[in-house]
């Protein structure tokens, strides 16, 4: 993500300005993913703490929910990126 954020996106915004709205969506996805990853890591850390079976099950359910969301976000992000950024890069910068 850092390469996209720091190199590719700024380059495209200068050389293919019509992509700016698409880039903003992709940046929002990156931000959302980073936040969910932090939540996921915190939930994993919760599992290491001594808890009752009920608490343990609740944390596992939250991990499942966040993990599922992250997978769908990645799939959606990659599909959106392929159908927008990559196609424009092939036609405009080739």
Protein backbone atom coordinates (compact mmCIF):
# COMPACT_ATOMS: atom_id res chain seq x y z
CA UNK A 1 0.00 0.00 0.00
CA UNK A 2 2.83 2.41 0.74
CA UNK A 3 4.13 2.21 -2.83
CA UNK A 4 0.68 3.01 -4.20
CA UNK A 5 0.11 5.80 -1.70
CA UNK A 6 3.53 7.42 -2.03
CA UNK A 7 4.52 6.75 -5.64
CA UNK A 8 1.81 5.46 -7.96
CA UNK A 9 -1.13 7.58 -6.82
CA UNK A 10 0.76 10.91 -6.86
CA UNK A 11 2.16 10.06 -10.30
CA UNK A 12 -1.28 9.21 -11.67
CA UNK A 13 -2.88 12.31 -10.18
CA UNK A 14 -0.36 14.44 -12.05
CA UNK A 15 -0.33 12.54 -15.33
CA UNK A 16 -3.90 11.21 -15.46
CA UNK A 17 -5.92 13.74 -13.42
CA UNK A 18 -9.27 12.17 -14.35
CA UNK A 19 -8.35 9.32 -11.98
CA UNK A 20 -8.41 11.54 -8.90
CA UNK A 21 -11.91 10.42 -7.75
CA UNK A 22 -10.93 6.77 -8.22
CA UNK A 23 -7.71 7.30 -6.30
CA UNK A 24 -9.64 8.89 -3.43
CA UNK A 25 -11.86 5.79 -3.21
CA UNK A 26 -8.81 3.53 -3.21
CA UNK A 27 -7.14 5.62 -0.52
CA UNK A 28 -10.29 5.39 1.59
CA UNK A 29 -10.17 1.59 1.17
CA UNK A 30 -6.54 1.57 2.30
CA UNK A 31 -7.44 3.64 5.36
CA UNK A 32 -10.37 1.37 6.18
CA UNK A 33 -8.23 -1.76 5.77
CA UNK A 34 -5.49 -0.40 8.03
CA UNK A 35 -8.06 0.43 10.71
CA UNK A 36 -9.70 -3.01 10.48
CA UNK A 37 -6.28 -4.68 10.60
CA UNK A 38 -5.57 -2.87 13.88
CA UNK A 39 -8.91 -4.03 15.26
CA UNK A 40 -8.13 -7.58 14.09
CA UNK A 41 -4.71 -7.52 15.78
CA UNK A 42 -6.25 -6.20 19.00
CA UNK A 43 -8.83 -8.99 18.97
CA UNK A 44 -6.11 -11.60 18.46
CA UNK A 45 -4.30 -10.15 21.48
CA UNK A 46 -7.54 -10.50 23.46
CA UNK A 47 -7.43 -14.25 22.89
CA UNK A 48 -4.16 -14.47 24.84
CA UNK A 49 -5.81 -13.08 27.96
CA UNK A 50 -7.43 -15.37 30.50
CA UNK A 51 -11.14 -15.31 29.81
CA UNK A 52 -14.15 -17.46 30.30
CA UNK A 53 -15.25 -19.73 27.48
CA UNK A 54 -18.15 -17.35 26.81
CA UNK A 55 -15.80 -14.35 26.48
CA UNK A 56 -13.45 -16.40 24.34
CA UNK A 57 -16.31 -17.36 22.00
CA UNK A 58 -17.42 -13.73 21.73
CA UNK A 59 -13.91 -12.61 20.77
CA UNK A 60 -13.64 -15.41 18.19
CA UNK A 61 -16.95 -14.30 16.67
CA UNK A 62 -15.69 -10.71 16.42
CA UNK A 63 -12.47 -11.97 14.80
CA UNK A 64 -14.54 -13.90 12.27
CA UNK A 65 -16.67 -10.84 11.50
CA UNK A 66 -13.71 -8.48 11.08
CA UNK A 67 -11.72 -11.05 9.09
CA UNK A 68 -14.66 -11.66 6.75
CA UNK A 69 -15.10 -7.93 6.24
CA UNK A 70 -11.39 -7.54 5.46
CA UNK A 71 -11.52 -10.34 2.87
CA UNK A 72 -14.52 -8.78 1.13
CA UNK A 73 -12.88 -5.36 1.25
CA UNK A 74 -9.70 -6.72 -0.35
CA UNK A 75 -11.65 -8.53 -3.07
CA UNK A 76 -13.75 -5.48 -3.83
CA UNK A 77 -10.72 -3.20 -3.76
CA UNK A 78 -8.72 -5.40 -6.11
CA UNK A 79 -11.62 -5.73 -8.55
CA UNK A 80 -12.23 -1.96 -8.51
CA UNK A 81 -8.53 -1.26 -8.93
CA UNK A 82 -8.24 -3.69 -11.84
CA UNK A 83 -11.27 -2.28 -13.61
CA UNK A 84 -10.20 1.33 -13.18
CA UNK A 85 -6.57 2.13 -12.43
CA UNK A 86 -5.00 -0.79 -14.28
CA UNK A 87 -7.10 -0.31 -17.42
CA UNK A 88 -6.35 3.41 -17.55
CA UNK A 89 -2.66 2.77 -16.96
CA UNK A 90 -2.62 0.29 -19.86
CA UNK A 91 -4.32 2.70 -22.26
CA UNK A 92 -3.00 6.07 -21.11
CA UNK A 93 0.56 5.21 -20.15
CA UNK A 94 1.41 2.42 -22.54
